[in-house]
């Protein structure tokens, strides 16, 4: 409990990218949605038909988001 992200995400003061898999067997969808709701804006939320390790689309989306936000390519 002391290191659960839900306890800290509300303190974020930068744009966030939140990515979760609908087939994740470690993080239930309801828990992910609760984290998303607790996160302040600006935030981008992406769901994927994938497990905990996500998929290539998530990797591509993360890359594109980083390019947009901080110019990393």
C-alpha atoms as a PDB file:
ATOM      1  CA  UNK A   1       0.000   0.000   0.000  1.00  0.00           C
ATOM      2  CA  UNK A   2       2.723   2.614   0.724  1.00  0.00           C
ATOM      3  CA  UNK A   3       3.921   2.580  -2.897  1.00  0.00           C
ATOM      4  CA  UNK A   4       0.587   2.325  -4.701  1.00  0.00           C
ATOM      5  CA  UNK A   5       0.452   4.839  -7.595  1.00  0.00           C
ATOM      6  CA  UNK A   6      -3.066   5.942  -6.602  1.00  0.00           C
ATOM      7  CA  UNK A   7      -1.534   7.581  -3.512  1.00  0.00           C
ATOM      8  CA  UNK A   8       0.767   9.812  -5.566  1.00  0.00           C
ATOM      9  CA  UNK A   9      -0.746  10.399  -9.004  1.00  0.00           C
ATOM     10  CA  UNK A  10      -2.822  13.319  -7.745  1.00  0.00           C
ATOM     11  CA  UNK A  11       0.395  15.262  -7.101  1.00  0.00           C
ATOM     12  CA  UNK A  12       1.533  15.115 -10.732  1.00  0.00           C
ATOM     13  CA  UNK A  13       2.033  18.534 -12.276  1.00  0.00           C
ATOM     14  CA  UNK A  14       3.027  17.485 -15.783  1.00  0.00           C
ATOM     15  CA  UNK A  15       1.107  15.904 -18.679  1.00  0.00           C
ATOM     16  CA  UNK A  16       0.522  12.198 -18.136  1.00  0.00           C
ATOM     17  CA  UNK A  17       0.144   9.263 -20.506  1.00  0.00           C
ATOM     18  CA  UNK A  18      -1.797   6.436 -18.873  1.00  0.00           C
ATOM     19  CA  UNK A  19      -1.762   3.155 -20.787  1.00  0.00           C
ATOM     20  CA  UNK A  20      -3.541  -0.007 -19.724  1.00  0.00           C
ATOM     21  CA  UNK A  21      -4.502  -3.348 -21.218  1.00  0.00           C
ATOM     22  CA  UNK A  22      -8.082  -4.560 -20.995  1.00  0.00           C
ATOM     23  CA  UNK A  23      -6.759  -8.130 -20.644  1.00  0.00           C
ATOM     24  CA  UNK A  24      -4.274  -7.328 -17.860  1.00  0.00           C
ATOM     25  CA  UNK A  25      -4.260 -10.145 -15.301  1.00  0.00           C
ATOM     26  CA  UNK A  26      -2.305  -8.075 -12.741  1.00  0.00           C
ATOM     27  CA  UNK A  27      -4.195  -4.759 -12.744  1.00  0.00           C
ATOM     28  CA  UNK A  28      -7.988  -5.019 -12.892  1.00  0.00           C
ATOM     29  CA  UNK A  29      -9.691  -2.589 -15.269  1.00  0.00           C
ATOM     30  CA  UNK A  30     -11.575  -1.007 -12.362  1.00  0.00           C
ATOM     31  CA  UNK A  31      -8.295  -0.249 -10.557  1.00  0.00           C
ATOM     32  CA  UNK A  32      -6.812   1.285 -13.695  1.00  0.00           C
ATOM     33  CA  UNK A  33      -9.929   3.402 -14.204  1.00  0.00           C
ATOM     34  CA  UNK A  34      -9.713   4.567 -10.585  1.00  0.00           C
ATOM     35  CA  UNK A  35      -6.099   5.639 -11.149  1.00  0.00           C
ATOM     36  CA  UNK A  36      -7.115   7.463 -14.333  1.00  0.00           C
ATOM     37  CA  UNK A  37      -9.853   9.322 -12.463  1.00  0.00           C
ATOM     38  CA  UNK A  38      -7.424  10.327  -9.692  1.00  0.00           C
ATOM     39  CA  UNK A  39      -4.835  11.674 -12.131  1.00  0.00           C
ATOM     40  CA  UNK A  40      -4.960  15.416 -12.716  1.00  0.00           C
ATOM     41  CA  UNK A  41      -4.985  16.892 -16.193  1.00  0.00           C
ATOM     42  CA  UNK A  42      -3.653  17.233 -18.646  1.00  0.00           C
ATOM     43  CA  UNK A  43      -3.760  13.500 -19.176  1.00  0.00           C
ATOM     44  CA  UNK A  44      -4.059  11.120 -22.085  1.00  0.00           C
ATOM     45  CA  UNK A  45      -5.683   7.756 -21.393  1.00  0.00           C
ATOM     46  CA  UNK A  46      -5.215   4.824 -23.759  1.00  0.00           C
ATOM     47  CA  UNK A  47      -6.687   1.339 -23.452  1.00  0.00           C
ATOM     48  CA  UNK A  48      -5.417  -1.602 -25.494  1.00  0.00           C
ATOM     49  CA  UNK A  49      -6.698  -5.101 -26.108  1.00  0.00           C
ATOM     50  CA  UNK A  50      -3.613  -6.512 -24.447  1.00  0.00           C
ATOM     51  CA  UNK A  51      -2.255  -7.939 -21.234  1.00  0.00           C
ATOM     52  CA  UNK A  52       0.054  -6.358 -18.673  1.00  0.00           C
ATOM     53  CA  UNK A  53       2.952  -6.008 -21.134  1.00  0.00           C
ATOM     54  CA  UNK A  54       0.664  -4.154 -23.567  1.00  0.00           C
ATOM     55  CA  UNK A  55       1.376  -4.440 -27.299  1.00  0.00           C
ATOM     56  CA  UNK A  56       3.164  -2.793 -30.206  1.00  0.00           C
ATOM     57  CA  UNK A  57       0.415  -0.196 -30.619  1.00  0.00           C
ATOM     58  CA  UNK A  58       1.067   0.955 -27.046  1.00  0.00           C
ATOM     59  CA  UNK A  59       4.780   1.260 -27.814  1.00  0.00           C
ATOM     60  CA  UNK A  60       4.020   3.289 -30.933  1.00  0.00           C
ATOM     61  CA  UNK A  61       1.548   5.519 -29.079  1.00  0.00           C
ATOM     62  CA  UNK A  62       4.056   6.088 -26.270  1.00  0.00           C
ATOM     63  CA  UNK A  63       6.719   7.078 -28.792  1.00  0.00           C
ATOM     64  CA  UNK A  64       4.379   9.491 -30.567  1.00  0.00           C
ATOM     65  CA  UNK A  65       3.263  11.010 -27.252  1.00  0.00           C
ATOM     66  CA  UNK A  66       6.865  11.586 -26.162  1.00  0.00           C
ATOM     67  CA  UNK A  67       7.732  13.158 -29.520  1.00  0.00           C
ATOM     68  CA  UNK A  68       4.762  15.497 -29.155  1.00  0.00           C
ATOM     69  CA  UNK A  69       5.439  16.423 -25.519  1.00  0.00           C
ATOM     70  CA  UNK A  70       9.227  16.641 -25.281  1.00  0.00           C
ATOM     71  CA  UNK A  71      10.587  16.224 -28.773  1.00  0.00           C
ATOM     72  CA  UNK A  72      12.201  12.817 -28.211  1.00  0.00           C
ATOM     73  CA  UNK A  73      12.447  10.780 -31.407  1.00  0.00           C
END
